[in-house]
Amino acid sequence: MEKTRDLLQENTALRALLDTVRRDAEHNHQVMQRFQQRELALLNAKDLRDLLYQITAGMRRSFGLNRTRLLLIDPYAVIQELLQSAPPADADLPADVELCSSAADAHARFSNTRAPWLGPWDDVTHTPVF
């Protein structure tokens, strides 16, 4: 009798564990699909402006972010020239993209300019950027 009760408890525990693993697998699959969609959107960008849009607004939409901001260090104005050589309708930068001509200025604003800057909103740190 006790053996049966122990087996039932173990069975219940294993079923709960299996449910947890199944839910985690479903979540991971959804995350993988979202990243694949992002990759395809980036690869299918029709021009530089669309690529910048996909990096910012597309990322915001895909991951439910409130804000995104992309700072590109462009000391030789290459990105600016590429945008200016595009048709007039495409010449403007998306609102959440900023070109910075000075790497020193970018380093002064951010502690690490070699990696994405992710995290919860902090008024002191983020307000000057946005």
N, C-alpha and C. Protein backbone atom coordinates (compact mmCIF):
# COMPACT_ATOMS: atom_id res chain seq x y z
N MET A 1 0.83 -1.19 0.00
CA MET A 1 0.00 0.00 0.00
C MET A 1 0.88 1.26 0.00
N GLU A 2 1.86 1.25 0.85
CA GLU A 2 2.77 2.40 0.93
C GLU A 2 3.56 2.54 -0.37
N LYS A 3 3.93 1.42 -0.96
CA LYS A 3 4.66 1.43 -2.22
C LYS A 3 3.80 2.09 -3.32
N THR A 4 2.52 1.77 -3.34
CA THR A 4 1.60 2.35 -4.32
C THR A 4 1.48 3.86 -4.12
N ARG A 5 1.38 4.28 -2.88
CA ARG A 5 1.28 5.72 -2.57
C ARG A 5 2.56 6.42 -3.00
N ASP A 6 3.72 5.82 -2.74
CA ASP A 6 5.00 6.41 -3.15
C ASP A 6 5.07 6.53 -4.67
N LEU A 7 4.62 5.49 -5.38
CA LEU A 7 4.64 5.52 -6.83
C LEU A 7 3.68 6.58 -7.38
N LEU A 8 2.53 6.74 -6.75
CA LEU A 8 1.58 7.78 -7.16
C LEU A 8 2.16 9.19 -6.95
N GLN A 9 2.83 9.37 -5.82
CA GLN A 9 3.46 10.67 -5.54
C GLN A 9 4.58 10.94 -6.56
N GLU A 10 5.37 9.93 -6.84
CA GLU A 10 6.45 10.09 -7.81
C GLU A 10 5.87 10.39 -9.20
N ASN A 11 4.82 9.67 -9.55
CA ASN A 11 4.16 9.88 -10.83
C ASN A 11 3.63 11.31 -10.93
N THR A 12 3.01 11.80 -9.89
CA THR A 12 2.48 13.17 -9.87
C THR A 12 3.61 14.18 -10.02
N ALA A 13 4.69 13.96 -9.30
CA ALA A 13 5.84 14.86 -9.38
C ALA A 13 6.45 14.84 -10.79
N LEU A 14 6.57 13.67 -11.39
CA LEU A 14 7.14 13.56 -12.73
C LEU A 14 6.23 14.20 -13.78
N ARG A 15 4.91 14.06 -13.61
CA ARG A 15 3.98 14.71 -14.54
C ARG A 15 4.09 16.24 -14.45
N ALA A 16 4.23 16.74 -13.23
CA ALA A 16 4.38 18.19 -13.04
C ALA A 16 5.69 18.66 -13.69
N LEU A 17 6.74 17.89 -13.51
CA LEU A 17 8.02 18.23 -14.12
C LEU A 17 7.92 18.19 -15.64
N LEU A 18 7.25 17.19 -16.16
CA LEU A 18 7.06 17.07 -17.61
C LEU A 18 6.27 18.26 -18.15
N ASP A 19 5.25 18.71 -17.43
CA ASP A 19 4.48 19.88 -17.84
C ASP A 19 5.36 21.13 -17.87
N THR A 20 6.21 21.26 -16.87
CA THR A 20 7.12 22.41 -16.81
C THR A 20 8.09 22.39 -17.99
N VAL A 21 8.65 21.23 -18.27
CA VAL A 21 9.58 21.10 -19.40
C VAL A 21 8.86 21.39 -20.72
N ARG A 22 7.63 20.94 -20.87
CA ARG A 22 6.85 21.20 -22.08
C ARG A 22 6.59 22.69 -22.26
N ARG A 23 6.20 23.36 -21.18
CA ARG A 23 5.96 24.81 -21.26
C ARG A 23 7.24 25.56 -21.60
N ASP A 24 8.36 25.15 -20.99
CA ASP A 24 9.64 25.78 -21.31
C ASP A 24 10.02 25.57 -22.77
N ALA A 25 9.78 24.37 -23.27
CA ALA A 25 10.09 24.07 -24.67
C ALA A 25 9.23 24.92 -25.61
N GLU A 26 7.96 25.09 -25.30
CA GLU A 26 7.08 25.93 -26.11
C GLU A 26 7.56 27.38 -26.10
N HIS A 27 7.91 27.86 -24.93
CA HIS A 27 8.42 29.24 -24.82
C HIS A 27 9.70 29.40 -25.64
N ASN A 28 10.63 28.47 -25.49
CA ASN A 28 11.89 28.54 -26.24
C ASN A 28 11.64 28.49 -27.74
N HIS A 29 10.67 27.71 -28.16
CA HIS A 29 10.34 27.63 -29.58
C HIS A 29 9.80 28.97 -30.08
N GLN A 30 8.96 29.62 -29.29
CA GLN A 30 8.43 30.93 -29.66
C GLN A 30 9.55 31.96 -29.74
N VAL A 31 10.48 31.92 -28.79
CA VAL A 31 11.61 32.85 -28.81
C VAL A 31 12.45 32.60 -30.06
N MET A 32 12.72 31.34 -30.38
CA MET A 32 13.50 31.01 -31.57
C MET A 32 12.81 31.53 -32.84
N GLN A 33 11.50 31.36 -32.92
CA GLN A 33 10.76 31.86 -34.09
C GLN A 33 10.85 33.38 -34.19
N ARG A 34 10.75 34.05 -33.06
CA ARG A 34 10.83 35.52 -33.06
C ARG A 34 12.21 35.97 -33.54
N PHE A 35 13.27 35.31 -33.08
CA PHE A 35 14.62 35.65 -33.53
C PHE A 35 14.79 35.34 -35.02
N GLN A 36 14.23 34.25 -35.50
CA GLN A 36 14.31 33.94 -36.92
C GLN A 36 13.60 35.01 -37.74
N GLN A 37 12.44 35.47 -37.27
CA GLN A 37 11.73 36.54 -37.96
C GLN A 37 12.55 37.81 -38.00
N ARG A 38 13.22 38.12 -36.89
CA ARG A 38 14.08 39.31 -36.84
C ARG A 38 15.23 39.18 -37.83
N GLU A 39 15.86 38.02 -37.85
CA GLU A 39 16.97 37.79 -38.78
C GLU A 39 16.52 37.97 -40.22
N LEU A 40 15.38 37.39 -40.56
CA LEU A 40 14.86 37.52 -41.92
C LEU A 40 14.53 38.97 -42.26
N ALA A 41 13.96 39.69 -41.31
CA ALA A 41 13.64 41.10 -41.55
C ALA A 41 14.91 41.90 -41.81
N LEU A 42 15.97 41.61 -41.08
CA LEU A 42 17.23 42.31 -41.29
C LEU A 42 17.83 41.93 -42.64
N LEU A 43 17.81 40.65 -42.96
CA LEU A 43 18.38 40.20 -44.23
C LEU A 43 17.59 40.69 -45.43
N ASN A 44 16.29 40.90 -45.26
CA ASN A 44 15.44 41.33 -46.37
C ASN A 44 15.29 42.84 -46.47
N ALA A 45 16.02 43.59 -45.65
CA ALA A 45 15.93 45.05 -45.73
C ALA A 45 16.27 45.50 -47.14
N LYS A 46 15.44 46.39 -47.69
CA LYS A 46 15.61 46.78 -49.09
C LYS A 46 16.70 47.84 -49.29
N ASP A 47 17.03 48.56 -48.23
CA ASP A 47 18.07 49.58 -48.33
C ASP A 47 18.56 49.92 -46.92
N LEU A 48 19.49 50.86 -46.85
CA LEU A 48 20.08 51.22 -45.55
C LEU A 48 19.04 51.77 -44.59
N ARG A 49 18.17 52.62 -45.09
CA ARG A 49 17.15 53.20 -44.22
C ARG A 49 16.23 52.11 -43.66
N ASP A 50 15.84 51.16 -44.50
CA ASP A 50 15.00 50.06 -44.05
C ASP A 50 15.75 49.20 -43.03
N LEU A 51 17.04 48.99 -43.25
CA LEU A 51 17.84 48.22 -42.29
C LEU A 51 17.87 48.93 -40.93
N LEU A 52 18.09 50.23 -40.93
CA LEU A 52 18.09 50.98 -39.67
C LEU A 52 16.72 50.92 -39.00
N TYR A 53 15.67 50.99 -39.80
CA TYR A 53 14.31 50.87 -39.26
C TYR A 53 14.11 49.49 -38.63
N GLN A 54 14.55 48.44 -39.31
CA GLN A 54 14.38 47.09 -38.79
C GLN A 54 15.19 46.88 -37.50
N ILE A 55 16.35 47.50 -37.41
CA ILE A 55 17.18 47.37 -36.21
C ILE A 55 16.50 48.04 -35.02
N THR A 56 15.81 49.14 -35.25
CA THR A 56 15.23 49.90 -34.14
C THR A 56 13.74 49.61 -33.96
N ALA A 57 12.92 50.13 -34.83
CA ALA A 57 11.46 49.96 -34.68
C ALA A 57 11.06 48.50 -34.80
N GLY A 58 11.72 47.76 -35.69
CA GLY A 58 11.40 46.34 -35.82
C GLY A 58 11.73 45.57 -34.55
N MET A 59 12.85 45.89 -33.93
CA MET A 59 13.24 45.25 -32.67
C MET A 59 12.25 45.62 -31.57
N ARG A 60 11.87 46.89 -31.54
CA ARG A 60 10.91 47.35 -30.53
C ARG A 60 9.59 46.60 -30.66
N ARG A 61 9.11 46.46 -31.90
CA ARG A 61 7.85 45.78 -32.15
C ARG A 61 7.96 44.28 -31.84
N SER A 62 9.03 43.64 -32.26
CA SER A 62 9.18 42.19 -32.07
C SER A 62 9.27 41.78 -30.61
N PHE A 63 9.91 42.61 -29.81
CA PHE A 63 10.17 42.22 -28.43
C PHE A 63 9.37 43.03 -27.41
N GLY A 64 8.41 43.83 -27.90
CA GLY A 64 7.54 44.57 -27.00
C GLY A 64 8.29 45.58 -26.15
N LEU A 65 9.30 46.23 -26.74
CA LEU A 65 10.07 47.23 -26.00
C LEU A 65 9.39 48.58 -26.09
N ASN A 66 9.54 49.39 -25.04
CA ASN A 66 8.97 50.74 -25.06
C ASN A 66 9.76 51.67 -25.95
N ARG A 67 11.07 51.58 -25.89
CA ARG A 67 11.95 52.47 -26.65
C ARG A 67 13.16 51.71 -27.14
N THR A 68 13.69 52.14 -28.26
CA THR A 68 15.00 51.69 -28.72
C THR A 68 15.76 52.92 -29.19
N ARG A 69 17.04 52.82 -29.18
CA ARG A 69 17.89 53.91 -29.66
C ARG A 69 19.14 53.29 -30.23
N LEU A 70 19.54 53.70 -31.41
CA LEU A 70 20.74 53.19 -32.05
C LEU A 70 21.68 54.35 -32.30
N LEU A 71 22.84 54.29 -31.68
CA LEU A 71 23.87 55.30 -31.87
C LEU A 71 24.94 54.68 -32.75
N LEU A 72 25.18 55.27 -33.92
CA LEU A 72 26.20 54.78 -34.83
C LEU A 72 27.35 55.79 -34.86
N ILE A 73 28.52 55.32 -34.57
CA ILE A 73 29.70 56.19 -34.64
C ILE A 73 30.12 56.24 -36.10
N ASP A 74 30.05 57.42 -36.67
CA ASP A 74 30.29 57.64 -38.10
C ASP A 74 31.29 58.78 -38.29
N PRO A 75 32.55 58.60 -37.87
CA PRO A 75 33.52 59.70 -37.89
C PRO A 75 33.86 60.20 -39.29
N TYR A 76 33.69 59.36 -40.29
CA TYR A 76 34.02 59.78 -41.66
C TYR A 76 32.78 60.08 -42.49
N ALA A 77 31.63 60.14 -41.84
CA ALA A 77 30.34 60.50 -42.46
C ALA A 77 29.96 59.57 -43.61
N VAL A 78 30.39 58.32 -43.55
CA VAL A 78 30.07 57.35 -44.59
C VAL A 78 28.57 57.04 -44.59
N ILE A 79 28.03 56.78 -43.42
CA ILE A 79 26.59 56.47 -43.33
C ILE A 79 25.77 57.68 -43.76
N GLN A 80 26.18 58.86 -43.33
CA GLN A 80 25.48 60.09 -43.72
C GLN A 80 25.50 60.26 -45.23
N GLU A 81 26.64 60.01 -45.87
CA GLU A 81 26.73 60.12 -47.33
C GLU A 81 25.85 59.10 -48.03
N LEU A 82 25.83 57.87 -47.52
CA LEU A 82 24.98 56.84 -48.11
C LEU A 82 23.51 57.24 -48.04
N LEU A 83 23.12 57.78 -46.91
CA LEU A 83 21.73 58.21 -46.77
C LEU A 83 21.41 59.39 -47.68
N GLN A 84 22.35 60.31 -47.81
CA GLN A 84 22.12 61.48 -48.65
C GLN A 84 22.09 61.13 -50.13
N SER A 85 22.79 60.06 -50.51
CA SER A 85 22.78 59.66 -51.92
C SER A 85 21.54 58.84 -52.28
N ALA A 86 20.75 58.48 -51.27
CA ALA A 86 19.51 57.74 -51.52
C ALA A 86 18.46 58.69 -52.05
N PRO A 87 17.37 58.16 -52.61
CA PRO A 87 16.28 59.03 -53.06
C PRO A 87 15.83 59.97 -51.94
N PRO A 88 15.36 61.15 -52.27
CA PRO A 88 14.99 62.14 -51.25
C PRO A 88 14.05 61.62 -50.17
N ALA A 89 13.12 60.76 -50.52
CA ALA A 89 12.18 60.27 -49.51
C ALA A 89 12.89 59.42 -48.46
N ASP A 90 14.05 58.85 -48.82
CA ASP A 90 14.75 57.96 -47.90
C ASP A 90 15.93 58.65 -47.21
N ALA A 91 16.12 59.93 -47.43
CA ALA A 91 17.32 60.60 -46.93
C ALA A 91 17.33 60.80 -45.41
N ASP A 92 16.17 60.87 -44.79
CA ASP A 92 16.12 61.12 -43.35
C ASP A 92 16.40 59.85 -42.56
N LEU A 93 17.04 60.04 -41.42
CA LEU A 93 17.26 58.92 -40.50
C LEU A 93 15.98 58.62 -39.75
N PRO A 94 15.76 57.34 -39.41
CA PRO A 94 14.65 57.07 -38.50
C PRO A 94 14.85 57.85 -37.19
N ALA A 95 13.78 58.19 -36.54
CA ALA A 95 13.84 59.05 -35.35
C ALA A 95 14.69 58.47 -34.22
N ASP A 96 14.77 57.15 -34.14
CA ASP A 96 15.51 56.54 -33.03
C ASP A 96 16.92 56.11 -33.42
N VAL A 97 17.45 56.71 -34.50
CA VAL A 97 18.83 56.46 -34.93
C VAL A 97 19.58 57.79 -34.84
N GLU A 98 20.76 57.73 -34.30
CA GLU A 98 21.59 58.93 -34.18
C GLU A 98 22.98 58.62 -34.73
N LEU A 99 23.48 59.53 -35.55
CA LEU A 99 24.85 59.41 -36.05
C LEU A 99 25.74 60.31 -35.20
N CYS A 100 26.84 59.77 -34.77
CA CYS A 100 27.79 60.52 -33.94
C CYS A 100 29.10 60.59 -34.70
N SER A 101 29.58 61.79 -34.94
CA SER A 101 30.80 61.95 -35.73
C SER A 101 32.06 61.78 -34.88
N SER A 102 31.93 61.78 -33.59
CA SER A 102 33.10 61.70 -32.71
C SER A 102 33.00 60.49 -31.78
N ALA A 103 33.96 59.60 -31.91
CA ALA A 103 34.00 58.44 -31.00
C ALA A 103 34.19 58.90 -29.56
N ALA A 104 34.94 59.96 -29.36
CA ALA A 104 35.17 60.48 -28.01
C ALA A 104 33.87 60.94 -27.37
N ASP A 105 33.01 61.60 -28.18
CA ASP A 105 31.70 62.03 -27.65
C ASP A 105 30.85 60.83 -27.26
N ALA A 106 30.88 59.79 -28.08
CA ALA A 106 30.10 58.58 -27.77
C ALA A 106 30.63 57.93 -26.50
N HIS A 107 31.94 57.84 -26.36
CA HIS A 107 32.52 57.25 -25.15
C HIS A 107 32.18 58.07 -23.91
N ALA A 108 32.07 59.38 -24.07
CA ALA A 108 31.72 60.22 -22.93
C ALA A 108 30.29 59.97 -22.48
N ARG A 109 29.41 59.62 -23.41
CA ARG A 109 28.00 59.39 -23.08
C ARG A 109 27.72 58.00 -22.57
N PHE A 110 28.54 57.04 -22.97
CA PHE A 110 28.29 55.64 -22.63
C PHE A 110 29.54 55.01 -22.05
N SER A 111 29.35 54.15 -21.07
CA SER A 111 30.50 53.51 -20.45
C SER A 111 31.10 52.43 -21.35
N ASN A 112 30.26 51.80 -22.20
CA ASN A 112 30.75 50.75 -23.07
C ASN A 112 30.12 50.92 -24.44
N THR A 113 30.91 51.35 -25.42
CA THR A 113 30.37 51.56 -26.76
C THR A 113 30.59 50.35 -27.66
N ARG A 114 31.07 49.27 -27.10
CA ARG A 114 31.35 48.08 -27.91
C ARG A 114 30.30 46.98 -27.72
N ALA A 115 29.27 47.25 -26.96
CA ALA A 115 28.24 46.23 -26.71
C ALA A 115 26.89 46.91 -26.59
N PRO A 116 25.81 46.17 -26.84
CA PRO A 116 24.48 46.75 -26.66
C PRO A 116 24.30 47.19 -25.21
N TRP A 117 23.51 48.20 -25.04
CA TRP A 117 23.24 48.74 -23.71
C TRP A 117 21.81 48.37 -23.39
N LEU A 118 21.62 47.34 -22.61
CA LEU A 118 20.30 46.82 -22.31
C LEU A 118 20.02 46.92 -20.82
N GLY A 119 18.78 47.04 -20.48
CA GLY A 119 18.43 47.03 -19.07
C GLY A 119 17.19 47.83 -18.79
N PRO A 120 16.75 47.81 -17.55
CA PRO A 120 15.55 48.56 -17.17
C PRO A 120 15.81 50.06 -17.25
N TRP A 121 14.75 50.79 -17.40
CA TRP A 121 14.83 52.25 -17.52
C TRP A 121 15.40 52.86 -16.25
N ASP A 122 16.35 53.76 -16.43
CA ASP A 122 16.92 54.53 -15.33
C ASP A 122 16.91 55.99 -15.77
N ASP A 123 16.11 56.83 -15.11
CA ASP A 123 15.95 58.22 -15.52
C ASP A 123 17.27 58.95 -15.70
N VAL A 124 18.16 58.81 -14.75
CA VAL A 124 19.42 59.55 -14.79
C VAL A 124 20.25 59.15 -16.01
N THR A 125 20.30 57.87 -16.29
CA THR A 125 21.12 57.37 -17.38
C THR A 125 20.46 57.51 -18.75
N HIS A 126 19.17 57.23 -18.82
CA HIS A 126 18.51 57.12 -20.12
C HIS A 126 17.89 58.42 -20.64
N THR A 127 17.43 59.29 -19.78
CA THR A 127 16.76 60.50 -20.25
C THR A 127 17.62 61.32 -21.23
N PRO A 128 18.92 61.52 -20.98
CA PRO A 128 19.72 62.28 -21.96
C PRO A 128 19.83 61.60 -23.33
N VAL A 129 19.71 60.30 -23.35
CA VAL A 129 19.84 59.56 -24.62
C VAL A 129 18.57 59.66 -25.44
N PHE A 130 17.42 59.58 -24.79
CA PHE A 130 16.15 59.57 -25.51
C PHE A 130 15.55 60.95 -25.54
